[in-house]
């Protein structure tokens, strides 16, 4: 299962489908928090100084920053700038429970900010509270069934729990409701994104024909979208069908935004994951001649 999750993670990270991917929290949450913090850092005059050089001094400075933010939050529980600062500092300290406490307050203050809610679910998942993570993901999807960040996170959680059929059912139900949802609110469900995730789940379960069928459907509806083309190329590659994969990689690279082209080209050069190196045939050993039975010269001949 670990190898499959690694392949799943590779697919989604390179495709750039969503930002909230992977099992570890800090590597995926920090870039997002840095973006969230950007405006606050430029406007707040009380932002603590950047930590200095050595790891020990940096640790001490971060802890001091966290205490400073906590004091502000104690005086002003609704101070979002202080809460965001506390969140970022706790993440840098790899204090996930502390980050979760800040996120819970930010979610309460900003129920419309699903990015905070998704990060909260990721945090709960990181500390082993999968039920809590599942509850947060479902609460988001109840009101926003097409929220790709929540959908991807919940699917990832279900795969970690070895529940692929639940993940497939969730994605198929989302696709079934997409036409009506998009009629009511255009663009509320990105059908191709959901199809790409579904195809990846099928591929993760080695249900390659179903994965290819989903990718083909996505390619038919959105021929200029590089993601299903690229995903299909990876499936062919992992099956050792390099001749079929090569033109798809080339097409995906042509259609992809510039920031993804190098990654696509690098992936195209990878050795297939699912196909072991072909062993060299060994020459059949020559049959050894049967040894003649040894004669015991001391044995007396049998009487006739």
C-alpha atoms as a PDB file:
ATOM      1  CA  UNK A   1       0.000   0.000   0.000  1.00  0.00           C
ATOM      2  CA  UNK A   2       2.897   2.363   0.773  1.00  0.00           C
ATOM      3  CA  UNK A   3       4.287   2.024  -2.749  1.00  0.00           C
ATOM      4  CA  UNK A   4       0.881   2.761  -4.230  1.00  0.00           C
ATOM      5  CA  UNK A   5       0.429   5.845  -2.078  1.00  0.00           C
ATOM      6  CA  UNK A   6       3.853   7.032  -3.191  1.00  0.00           C
ATOM      7  CA  UNK A   7       2.821   6.680  -6.821  1.00  0.00           C
ATOM      8  CA  UNK A   8      -0.479   8.442  -6.091  1.00  0.00           C
ATOM      9  CA  UNK A   9       1.362  11.311  -4.440  1.00  0.00           C
ATOM     10  CA  UNK A  10       3.708  11.630  -7.414  1.00  0.00           C
ATOM     11  CA  UNK A  11       0.816  11.808  -9.862  1.00  0.00           C
ATOM     12  CA  UNK A  12      -0.988  14.597  -8.088  1.00  0.00           C
ATOM     13  CA  UNK A  13       2.014  16.670  -7.140  1.00  0.00           C
ATOM     14  CA  UNK A  14       3.317  16.763 -10.708  1.00  0.00           C
ATOM     15  CA  UNK A  15      -0.083  17.380 -12.205  1.00  0.00           C
ATOM     16  CA  UNK A  16      -0.475  20.377  -9.952  1.00  0.00           C
ATOM     17  CA  UNK A  17      -4.103  19.484  -9.450  1.00  0.00           C
ATOM     18  CA  UNK A  18      -4.324  20.805  -5.919  1.00  0.00           C
ATOM     19  CA  UNK A  19      -2.049  22.165  -3.256  1.00  0.00           C
ATOM     20  CA  UNK A  20      -3.249  19.997  -0.391  1.00  0.00           C
ATOM     21  CA  UNK A  21      -1.661  16.649  -1.142  1.00  0.00           C
ATOM     22  CA  UNK A  22       0.445  14.187   0.787  1.00  0.00           C
ATOM     23  CA  UNK A  23       0.536  12.650   4.193  1.00  0.00           C
ATOM     24  CA  UNK A  24       2.890  15.040   5.958  1.00  0.00           C
ATOM     25  CA  UNK A  25       1.337  18.323   7.023  1.00  0.00           C
ATOM     26  CA  UNK A  26       4.184  20.812   7.232  1.00  0.00           C
ATOM     27  CA  UNK A  27       5.584  20.358   3.696  1.00  0.00           C
ATOM     28  CA  UNK A  28       2.198  20.993   2.123  1.00  0.00           C
ATOM     29  CA  UNK A  29       0.764  23.494   4.530  1.00  0.00           C
ATOM     30  CA  UNK A  30       3.672  25.927   4.855  1.00  0.00           C
ATOM     31  CA  UNK A  31       3.607  27.289   1.274  1.00  0.00           C
ATOM     32  CA  UNK A  32      -0.098  27.961   1.641  1.00  0.00           C
ATOM     33  CA  UNK A  33       0.324  29.614   5.002  1.00  0.00           C
ATOM     34  CA  UNK A  34       3.153  31.701   3.621  1.00  0.00           C
ATOM     35  CA  UNK A  35       0.773  32.939   0.944  1.00  0.00           C
ATOM     36  CA  UNK A  36      -1.921  33.651   3.489  1.00  0.00           C
ATOM     37  CA  UNK A  37       0.581  35.430   5.682  1.00  0.00           C
ATOM     38  CA  UNK A  38       1.933  37.612   2.906  1.00  0.00           C
ATOM     39  CA  UNK A  39      -0.530  40.447   3.334  1.00  0.00           C
ATOM     40  CA  UNK A  40      -0.403  40.291   7.103  1.00  0.00           C
ATOM     41  CA  UNK A  41       3.379  40.444   7.159  1.00  0.00           C
ATOM     42  CA  UNK A  42       3.431  43.538   4.993  1.00  0.00           C
ATOM     43  CA  UNK A  43       0.768  45.380   6.970  1.00  0.00           C
ATOM     44  CA  UNK A  44       1.582  44.424  10.542  1.00  0.00           C
ATOM     45  CA  UNK A  45       4.125  46.666  12.256  1.00  0.00           C
ATOM     46  CA  UNK A  46       4.479  44.178  15.103  1.00  0.00           C
ATOM     47  CA  UNK A  47       5.742  41.254  13.012  1.00  0.00           C
ATOM     48  CA  UNK A  48       8.645  39.632  14.915  1.00  0.00           C
ATOM     49  CA  UNK A  49      12.087  39.759  13.373  1.00  0.00           C
ATOM     50  CA  UNK A  50      13.270  36.986  11.083  1.00  0.00           C
ATOM     51  CA  UNK A  51      15.023  34.210  13.042  1.00  0.00           C
ATOM     52  CA  UNK A  52      18.810  34.304  12.994  1.00  0.00           C
ATOM     53  CA  UNK A  53      21.406  31.886  11.792  1.00  0.00           C
ATOM     54  CA  UNK A  54      21.973  28.879  14.047  1.00  0.00           C
ATOM     55  CA  UNK A  55      19.302  26.205  14.507  1.00  0.00           C
ATOM     56  CA  UNK A  56      19.283  26.698  18.286  1.00  0.00           C
ATOM     57  CA  UNK A  57      18.844  30.451  18.048  1.00  0.00           C
ATOM     58  CA  UNK A  58      16.199  29.999  15.361  1.00  0.00           C
ATOM     59  CA  UNK A  59      14.292  27.576  17.575  1.00  0.00           C
ATOM     60  CA  UNK A  60      14.468  30.019  20.466  1.00  0.00           C
ATOM     61  CA  UNK A  61      13.359  32.931  18.320  1.00  0.00           C
ATOM     62  CA  UNK A  62      10.409  30.948  16.950  1.00  0.00           C
ATOM     63  CA  UNK A  63       9.322  29.956  20.444  1.00  0.00           C
ATOM     64  CA  UNK A  64       9.543  33.585  21.518  1.00  0.00           C
ATOM     65  CA  UNK A  65       7.450  34.607  18.514  1.00  0.00           C
ATOM     66  CA  UNK A  66       4.850  31.984  19.380  1.00  0.00           C
ATOM     67  CA  UNK A  67       4.623  33.237  22.975  1.00  0.00           C
ATOM     68  CA  UNK A  68       4.229  36.778  21.693  1.00  0.00           C
ATOM     69  CA  UNK A  69       1.401  35.792  19.352  1.00  0.00           C
ATOM     70  CA  UNK A  70      -0.265  33.795  22.130  1.00  0.00           C
ATOM     71  CA  UNK A  71      -0.256  36.812  24.424  1.00  0.00           C
ATOM     72  CA  UNK A  72      -1.914  38.885  21.718  1.00  0.00           C
ATOM     73  CA  UNK A  73      -4.530  36.177  21.139  1.00  0.00           C
ATOM     74  CA  UNK A  74      -5.237  35.980  24.875  1.00  0.00           C
ATOM     75  CA  UNK A  75      -5.978  39.714  24.903  1.00  0.00           C
ATOM     76  CA  UNK A  76      -7.679  39.761  21.501  1.00  0.00           C
ATOM     77  CA  UNK A  77      -9.165  36.317  20.704  1.00  0.00           C
ATOM     78  CA  UNK A  78     -10.455  37.517  17.321  1.00  0.00           C
ATOM     79  CA  UNK A  79      -7.157  39.012  16.137  1.00  0.00           C
ATOM     80  CA  UNK A  80      -6.698  37.151  12.850  1.00  0.00           C
ATOM     81  CA  UNK A  81      -3.257  38.602  12.163  1.00  0.00           C
ATOM     82  CA  UNK A  82      -1.977  37.197  15.451  1.00  0.00           C
ATOM     83  CA  UNK A  83      -3.701  33.869  14.818  1.00  0.00           C
ATOM     84  CA  UNK A  84      -2.138  33.573  11.368  1.00  0.00           C
ATOM     85  CA  UNK A  85       1.244  34.456  12.840  1.00  0.00           C
ATOM     86  CA  UNK A  86       0.772  31.843  15.549  1.00  0.00           C
ATOM     87  CA  UNK A  87      -0.222  29.264  12.934  1.00  0.00           C
ATOM     88  CA  UNK A  88       2.831  29.889  10.793  1.00  0.00           C
ATOM     89  CA  UNK A  89       5.178  29.861  13.781  1.00  0.00           C
ATOM     90  CA  UNK A  90       3.737  26.633  15.157  1.00  0.00           C
ATOM     91  CA  UNK A  91       4.191  25.026  11.751  1.00  0.00           C
ATOM     92  CA  UNK A  92       7.824  26.114  11.585  1.00  0.00           C
ATOM     93  CA  UNK A  93       8.277  24.581  15.034  1.00  0.00           C
ATOM     94  CA  UNK A  94       6.578  21.418  13.746  1.00  0.00           C
ATOM     95  CA  UNK A  95       4.090  21.806  16.570  1.00  0.00           C
ATOM     96  CA  UNK A  96       1.066  20.323  14.814  1.00  0.00           C
ATOM     97  CA  UNK A  97      -1.268  20.337  17.870  1.00  0.00           C
ATOM     98  CA  UNK A  98      -0.436  24.012  18.382  1.00  0.00           C
ATOM     99  CA  UNK A  99      -1.125  24.713  14.708  1.00  0.00           C
ATOM    100  CA  UNK A 100      -4.453  22.888  14.980  1.00  0.00           C
ATOM    101  CA  UNK A 101      -5.508  25.074  17.928  1.00  0.00           C
ATOM    102  CA  UNK A 102      -4.845  28.208  15.861  1.00  0.00           C
ATOM    103  CA  UNK A 103      -6.601  26.738  12.829  1.00  0.00           C
ATOM    104  CA  UNK A 104      -9.720  25.870  14.827  1.00  0.00           C
ATOM    105  CA  UNK A 105     -10.030  29.504  15.873  1.00  0.00           C
ATOM    106  CA  UNK A 106      -9.435  30.713  12.310  1.00  0.00           C
ATOM    107  CA  UNK A 107     -12.092  28.322  11.002  1.00  0.00           C
ATOM    108  CA  UNK A 108     -14.568  29.561  13.604  1.00  0.00           C
ATOM    109  CA  UNK A 109     -13.871  33.174  12.645  1.00  0.00           C
ATOM    110  CA  UNK A 110     -13.945  32.465   8.897  1.00  0.00           C
ATOM    111  CA  UNK A 111     -16.455  29.690   8.158  1.00  0.00           C
ATOM    112  CA  UNK A 112     -16.406  30.668   4.492  1.00  0.00           C
ATOM    113  CA  UNK A 113     -12.636  30.113   4.235  1.00  0.00           C
ATOM    114  CA  UNK A 114     -12.484  26.468   3.219  1.00  0.00           C
ATOM    115  CA  UNK A 115      -8.711  26.654   2.862  1.00  0.00           C
ATOM    116  CA  UNK A 116      -8.447  26.960   6.639  1.00  0.00           C
ATOM    117  CA  UNK A 117     -10.840  24.037   7.057  1.00  0.00           C
ATOM    118  CA  UNK A 118      -8.846  21.828   4.691  1.00  0.00           C
ATOM    119  CA  UNK A 119      -5.649  22.661   6.540  1.00  0.00           C
ATOM    120  CA  UNK A 120      -7.399  21.789   9.784  1.00  0.00           C
ATOM    121  CA  UNK A 121      -8.400  18.408   8.362  1.00  0.00           C
ATOM    122  CA  UNK A 122      -4.812  17.810   7.235  1.00  0.00           C
ATOM    123  CA  UNK A 123      -3.583  18.651  10.729  1.00  0.00           C
ATOM    124  CA  UNK A 124      -5.997  16.244  12.364  1.00  0.00           C
ATOM    125  CA  UNK A 125      -4.961  13.561   9.920  1.00  0.00           C
ATOM    126  CA  UNK A 126      -1.303  14.204  10.741  1.00  0.00           C
ATOM    127  CA  UNK A 127      -1.785  13.589  14.475  1.00  0.00           C
ATOM    128  CA  UNK A 128      -3.808  10.439  13.818  1.00  0.00           C
ATOM    129  CA  UNK A 129      -7.284  11.901  14.337  1.00  0.00           C
ATOM    130  CA  UNK A 130      -8.688  10.446  11.127  1.00  0.00           C
ATOM    131  CA  UNK A 131     -12.276  10.617  12.369  1.00  0.00           C
ATOM    132  CA  UNK A 132     -11.834  14.326  13.046  1.00  0.00           C
ATOM    133  CA  UNK A 133     -10.256  14.858   9.638  1.00  0.00           C
ATOM    134  CA  UNK A 134     -13.069  12.949   7.958  1.00  0.00           C
ATOM    135  CA  UNK A 135     -15.682  15.063   9.756  1.00  0.00           C
ATOM    136  CA  UNK A 136     -14.065  18.293   8.576  1.00  0.00           C
ATOM    137  CA  UNK A 137     -13.777  17.096   4.974  1.00  0.00           C
ATOM    138  CA  UNK A 138     -17.412  15.968   4.899  1.00  0.00           C
ATOM    139  CA  UNK A 139     -18.604  19.264   6.359  1.00  0.00           C
ATOM    140  CA  UNK A 140     -16.879  21.126   3.538  1.00  0.00           C
ATOM    141  CA  UNK A 141     -18.222  18.813   0.847  1.00  0.00           C
ATOM    142  CA  UNK A 142     -21.784  19.039   2.164  1.00  0.00           C
ATOM    143  CA  UNK A 143     -21.921  22.702   1.184  1.00  0.00           C
ATOM    144  CA  UNK A 144     -19.312  22.654  -1.597  1.00  0.00           C
ATOM    145  CA  UNK A 145     -19.304  19.211  -3.252  1.00  0.00           C
ATOM    146  CA  UNK A 146     -16.945  20.457  -5.920  1.00  0.00           C
ATOM    147  CA  UNK A 147     -14.293  21.781  -3.562  1.00  0.00           C
ATOM    148  CA  UNK A 148     -11.278  20.084  -5.114  1.00  0.00           C
ATOM    149  CA  UNK A 149      -9.003  20.685  -2.139  1.00  0.00           C
ATOM    150  CA  UNK A 150     -11.416  18.957   0.238  1.00  0.00           C
ATOM    151  CA  UNK A 151     -12.257  16.265  -2.298  1.00  0.00           C
ATOM    152  CA  UNK A 152      -8.601  15.440  -2.913  1.00  0.00           C
ATOM    153  CA  UNK A 153      -7.819  15.460   0.804  1.00  0.00           C
ATOM    154  CA  UNK A 154     -10.743  13.195   1.647  1.00  0.00           C
ATOM    155  CA  UNK A 155      -9.900  10.755  -1.146  1.00  0.00           C
ATOM    156  CA  UNK A 156      -6.312  10.644   0.087  1.00  0.00           C
ATOM    157  CA  UNK A 157      -7.562   9.891   3.600  1.00  0.00           C
ATOM    158  CA  UNK A 158      -9.828   7.104   2.360  1.00  0.00           C
ATOM    159  CA  UNK A 159      -6.945   5.531   0.461  1.00  0.00           C
ATOM    160  CA  UNK A 160      -4.794   5.672   3.574  1.00  0.00           C
ATOM    161  CA  UNK A 161      -7.555   3.791   5.370  1.00  0.00           C
ATOM    162  CA  UNK A 162      -7.597   1.155   2.604  1.00  0.00           C
ATOM    163  CA  UNK A 163     -11.079   2.184   1.503  1.00  0.00           C
ATOM    164  CA  UNK A 164     -10.683   2.605  -2.261  1.00  0.00           C
ATOM    165  CA  UNK A 165     -14.313   1.743  -3.017  1.00  0.00           C
ATOM    166  CA  UNK A 166     -15.471   4.544  -0.735  1.00  0.00           C
ATOM    167  CA  UNK A 167     -13.142   6.932  -2.562  1.00  0.00           C
ATOM    168  CA  UNK A 168     -14.424   5.775  -5.942  1.00  0.00           C
ATOM    169  CA  UNK A 169     -18.037   6.102  -4.805  1.00  0.00           C
ATOM    170  CA  UNK A 170     -17.428   9.638  -3.547  1.00  0.00           C
ATOM    171  CA  UNK A 171     -15.888  10.701  -6.853  1.00  0.00           C
ATOM    172  CA  UNK A 172     -18.549   9.004  -8.979  1.00  0.00           C
ATOM    173  CA  UNK A 173     -21.319  10.648  -6.960  1.00  0.00           C
ATOM    174  CA  UNK A 174     -19.613  14.011  -7.436  1.00  0.00           C
ATOM    175  CA  UNK A 175     -19.521  13.475 -11.200  1.00  0.00           C
ATOM    176  CA  UNK A 176     -23.196  12.477 -11.239  1.00  0.00           C
ATOM    177  CA  UNK A 177     -24.231  15.687  -9.483  1.00  0.00           C
ATOM    178  CA  UNK A 178     -21.914  17.885 -11.556  1.00  0.00           C
ATOM    179  CA  UNK A 179     -24.315  18.724 -14.438  1.00  0.00           C
ATOM    180  CA  UNK A 180     -27.055  19.956 -12.110  1.00  0.00           C
ATOM    181  CA  UNK A 181     -24.619  21.739  -9.795  1.00  0.00           C
ATOM    182  CA  UNK A 182     -22.932  23.512 -12.696  1.00  0.00           C
ATOM    183  CA  UNK A 183     -26.303  24.502 -14.100  1.00  0.00           C
ATOM    184  CA  UNK A 184     -27.204  26.167 -10.824  1.00  0.00           C
ATOM    185  CA  UNK A 185     -23.739  27.631 -10.273  1.00  0.00           C
ATOM    186  CA  UNK A 186     -21.528  27.455 -13.357  1.00  0.00           C
ATOM    187  CA  UNK A 187     -18.069  26.101 -12.644  1.00  0.00           C
ATOM    188  CA  UNK A 188     -18.858  24.913  -9.136  1.00  0.00           C
ATOM    189  CA  UNK A 189     -17.543  21.419  -9.971  1.00  0.00           C
ATOM    190  CA  UNK A 190     -14.452  21.049 -12.153  1.00  0.00           C
ATOM    191  CA  UNK A 191     -15.413  17.841 -13.915  1.00  0.00           C
ATOM    192  CA  UNK A 192     -11.995  17.164 -15.453  1.00  0.00           C
ATOM    193  CA  UNK A 193     -10.254  17.564 -12.086  1.00  0.00           C
ATOM    194  CA  UNK A 194     -12.629  15.060 -10.531  1.00  0.00           C
ATOM    195  CA  UNK A 195     -12.119  12.670 -13.457  1.00  0.00           C
ATOM    196  CA  UNK A 196      -8.344  12.909 -13.092  1.00  0.00           C
ATOM    197  CA  UNK A 197      -8.566  12.061  -9.386  1.00  0.00           C
ATOM    198  CA  UNK A 198     -10.895   9.147 -10.143  1.00  0.00           C
ATOM    199  CA  UNK A 199      -8.543   7.834 -12.796  1.00  0.00           C
ATOM    200  CA  UNK A 200      -5.682   8.014 -10.335  1.00  0.00           C
ATOM    201  CA  UNK A 201      -7.626   5.975  -7.794  1.00  0.00           C
ATOM    202  CA  UNK A 202      -8.312   3.328 -10.436  1.00  0.00           C
ATOM    203  CA  UNK A 203      -4.640   3.300 -11.420  1.00  0.00           C
ATOM    204  CA  UNK A 204      -3.622   3.057  -7.772  1.00  0.00           C
ATOM    205  CA  UNK A 205      -5.762  -0.082  -7.533  1.00  0.00           C
ATOM    206  CA  UNK A 206      -4.227  -1.415 -10.775  1.00  0.00           C
ATOM    207  CA  UNK A 207      -7.592  -1.144 -12.515  1.00  0.00           C
ATOM    208  CA  UNK A 208      -5.864   0.247 -15.552  1.00  0.00           C
ATOM    209  CA  UNK A 209      -8.617  -0.205 -18.125  1.00  0.00           C
ATOM    210  CA  UNK A 210     -11.029   1.798 -15.993  1.00  0.00           C
ATOM    211  CA  UNK A 211      -8.391   4.476 -15.416  1.00  0.00           C
ATOM    212  CA  UNK A 212      -7.741   4.776 -19.155  1.00  0.00           C
ATOM    213  CA  UNK A 213     -11.490   4.959 -19.859  1.00  0.00           C
ATOM    214  CA  UNK A 214     -11.900   7.856 -17.415  1.00  0.00           C
ATOM    215  CA  UNK A 215      -8.908   9.699 -18.859  1.00  0.00           C
ATOM    216  CA  UNK A 216     -10.199   9.192 -22.399  1.00  0.00           C
ATOM    217  CA  UNK A 217     -13.554  10.637 -21.410  1.00  0.00           C
ATOM    218  CA  UNK A 218     -11.845  13.660 -19.873  1.00  0.00           C
ATOM    219  CA  UNK A 219      -9.642  14.119 -22.937  1.00  0.00           C
ATOM    220  CA  UNK A 220     -12.708  13.980 -25.174  1.00  0.00           C
ATOM    221  CA  UNK A 221     -14.537  16.675 -23.228  1.00  0.00           C
ATOM    222  CA  UNK A 222     -11.484  18.911 -22.680  1.00  0.00           C
ATOM    223  CA  UNK A 223      -8.910  18.126 -25.394  1.00  0.00           C
ATOM    224  CA  UNK A 224      -6.745  21.126 -24.460  1.00  0.00           C
ATOM    225  CA  UNK A 225      -6.345  20.098 -20.805  1.00  0.00           C
ATOM    226  CA  UNK A 226      -2.932  18.508 -20.300  1.00  0.00           C
ATOM    227  CA  UNK A 227      -3.755  16.702 -17.042  1.00  0.00           C
ATOM    228  CA  UNK A 228      -5.688  13.663 -18.287  1.00  0.00           C
ATOM    229  CA  UNK A 229      -3.249  13.293 -21.189  1.00  0.00           C
ATOM    230  CA  UNK A 230      -0.327  13.307 -18.800  1.00  0.00           C
ATOM    231  CA  UNK A 231      -2.035  10.949 -16.359  1.00  0.00           C
ATOM    232  CA  UNK A 232      -2.781   8.492 -19.155  1.00  0.00           C
ATOM    233  CA  UNK A 233       0.844   8.671 -20.279  1.00  0.00           C
ATOM    234  CA  UNK A 234       1.992   7.723 -16.780  1.00  0.00           C
ATOM    235  CA  UNK A 235      -0.350   4.718 -16.733  1.00  0.00           C
ATOM    236  CA  UNK A 236       1.054   3.511 -20.062  1.00  0.00           C
ATOM    237  CA  UNK A 237       4.571   4.153 -18.820  1.00  0.00           C
ATOM    238  CA  UNK A 238       4.030   2.206 -15.612  1.00  0.00           C
ATOM    239  CA  UNK A 239       2.746  -0.717 -17.668  1.00  0.00           C
ATOM    240  CA  UNK A 240       5.844  -0.645 -19.843  1.00  0.00           C
ATOM    241  CA  UNK A 241       3.945   0.613 -22.902  1.00  0.00           C
ATOM    242  CA  UNK A 242       6.520   3.257 -23.717  1.00  0.00           C
ATOM    243  CA  UNK A 243       5.601   3.567 -27.395  1.00  0.00           C
ATOM    244  CA  UNK A 244       2.037   4.511 -26.424  1.00  0.00           C
ATOM    245  CA  UNK A 245       3.199   6.815 -23.624  1.00  0.00           C
ATOM    246  CA  UNK A 246       5.752   8.852 -25.595  1.00  0.00           C
ATOM    247  CA  UNK A 247       3.361  10.841 -27.842  1.00  0.00           C
ATOM    248  CA  UNK A 248       1.094  11.531 -24.864  1.00  0.00           C
ATOM    249  CA  UNK A 249       3.988  12.966 -22.874  1.00  0.00           C
ATOM    250  CA  UNK A 250       4.880  15.150 -25.846  1.00  0.00           C
ATOM    251  CA  UNK A 251       1.316  16.402 -26.237  1.00  0.00           C
ATOM    252  CA  UNK A 252       0.970  17.042 -22.499  1.00  0.00           C
ATOM    253  CA  UNK A 253       4.202  19.042 -22.481  1.00  0.00           C
ATOM    254  CA  UNK A 254       2.960  21.164 -25.381  1.00  0.00           C
ATOM    255  CA  UNK A 255      -0.365  21.908 -23.694  1.00  0.00           C
ATOM    256  CA  UNK A 256       0.880  22.352 -20.116  1.00  0.00           C
ATOM    257  CA  UNK A 257       1.688  25.730 -18.576  1.00  0.00           C
ATOM    258  CA  UNK A 258       5.426  26.469 -18.672  1.00  0.00           C
ATOM    259  CA  UNK A 259       5.975  25.672 -14.990  1.00  0.00           C
ATOM    260  CA  UNK A 260       5.013  22.014 -15.543  1.00  0.00           C
ATOM    261  CA  UNK A 261       6.861  21.251 -18.753  1.00  0.00           C
ATOM    262  CA  UNK A 262      10.189  20.329 -17.212  1.00  0.00           C
ATOM    263  CA  UNK A 263       8.463  17.973 -14.776  1.00  0.00           C
ATOM    264  CA  UNK A 264       6.576  16.286 -17.591  1.00  0.00           C
ATOM    265  CA  UNK A 265       9.725  15.832 -19.644  1.00  0.00           C
ATOM    266  CA  UNK A 266      11.586  14.437 -16.639  1.00  0.00           C
ATOM    267  CA  UNK A 267       8.765  12.008 -15.930  1.00  0.00           C
ATOM    268  CA  UNK A 268       8.845  10.869 -19.538  1.00  0.00           C
ATOM    269  CA  UNK A 269      12.428   9.679 -18.981  1.00  0.00           C
ATOM    270  CA  UNK A 270      11.601   7.637 -15.878  1.00  0.00           C
ATOM    271  CA  UNK A 271      11.950   3.877 -15.789  1.00  0.00           C
ATOM    272  CA  UNK A 272       8.475   2.295 -15.612  1.00  0.00           C
ATOM    273  CA  UNK A 273       7.479   1.770 -11.982  1.00  0.00           C
ATOM    274  CA  UNK A 274       5.349  -1.299 -12.555  1.00  0.00           C
ATOM    275  CA  UNK A 275       7.640  -3.140 -14.965  1.00  0.00           C
ATOM    276  CA  UNK A 276      10.764  -4.774 -13.504  1.00  0.00           C
ATOM    277  CA  UNK A 277      13.942  -4.950 -15.525  1.00  0.00           C
ATOM    278  CA  UNK A 278      13.846  -7.857 -17.937  1.00  0.00           C
ATOM    279  CA  UNK A 279      16.230 -10.568 -16.713  1.00  0.00           C
ATOM    280  CA  UNK A 280      18.765 -11.889 -19.155  1.00  0.00           C
ATOM    281  CA  UNK A 281      17.971 -15.472 -20.184  1.00  0.00           C
ATOM    282  CA  UNK A 282      20.321 -17.977 -18.679  1.00  0.00           C
ATOM    283  CA  UNK A 283      21.843 -20.720 -20.790  1.00  0.00           C
ATOM    284  CA  UNK A 284      20.383 -24.101 -19.981  1.00  0.00           C
ATOM    285  CA  UNK A 285      22.966 -26.137 -18.085  1.00  0.00           C
ATOM    286  CA  UNK A 286      24.303 -29.148 -19.922  1.00  0.00           C
ATOM    287  CA  UNK A 287      23.181 -32.432 -18.508  1.00  0.00           C
ATOM    288  CA  UNK A 288      25.985 -33.998 -16.521  1.00  0.00           C
ATOM    289  CA  UNK A 289      26.812 -37.578 -17.554  1.00  0.00           C
ATOM    290  CA  UNK A 290      25.676 -40.149 -15.113  1.00  0.00           C
ATOM    291  CA  UNK A 291      28.506 -41.376 -12.994  1.00  0.00           C
ATOM    292  CA  UNK A 292      29.255 -45.059 -13.266  1.00  0.00           C
ATOM    293  CA  UNK A 293      28.569 -46.920 -10.061  1.00  0.00           C
ATOM    294  CA  UNK A 294      31.616 -47.427  -7.966  1.00  0.00           C
ATOM    295  CA  UNK A 295      32.802 -50.999  -7.614  1.00  0.00           C
ATOM    296  CA  UNK A 296      33.863 -52.195  -4.237  1.00  0.00           C
ATOM    297  CA  UNK A 297      36.858 -54.370  -4.895  1.00  0.00           C
ATOM    298  CA  UNK A 298      36.674 -55.837  -1.432  1.00  0.00           C
ATOM    299  CA  UNK A 299      33.097 -57.086  -1.764  1.00  0.00           C
ATOM    300  CA  UNK A 300      32.636 -60.802  -2.337  1.00  0.00           C
ATOM    301  CA  UNK A 301      30.645 -61.786  -5.435  1.00  0.00           C
ATOM    302  CA  UNK A 302      27.088 -62.828  -4.843  1.00  0.00           C
ATOM    303  CA  UNK A 303      26.337 -66.488  -5.138  1.00  0.00           C
ATOM    304  CA  UNK A 304      24.359 -67.419  -8.184  1.00  0.00           C
END
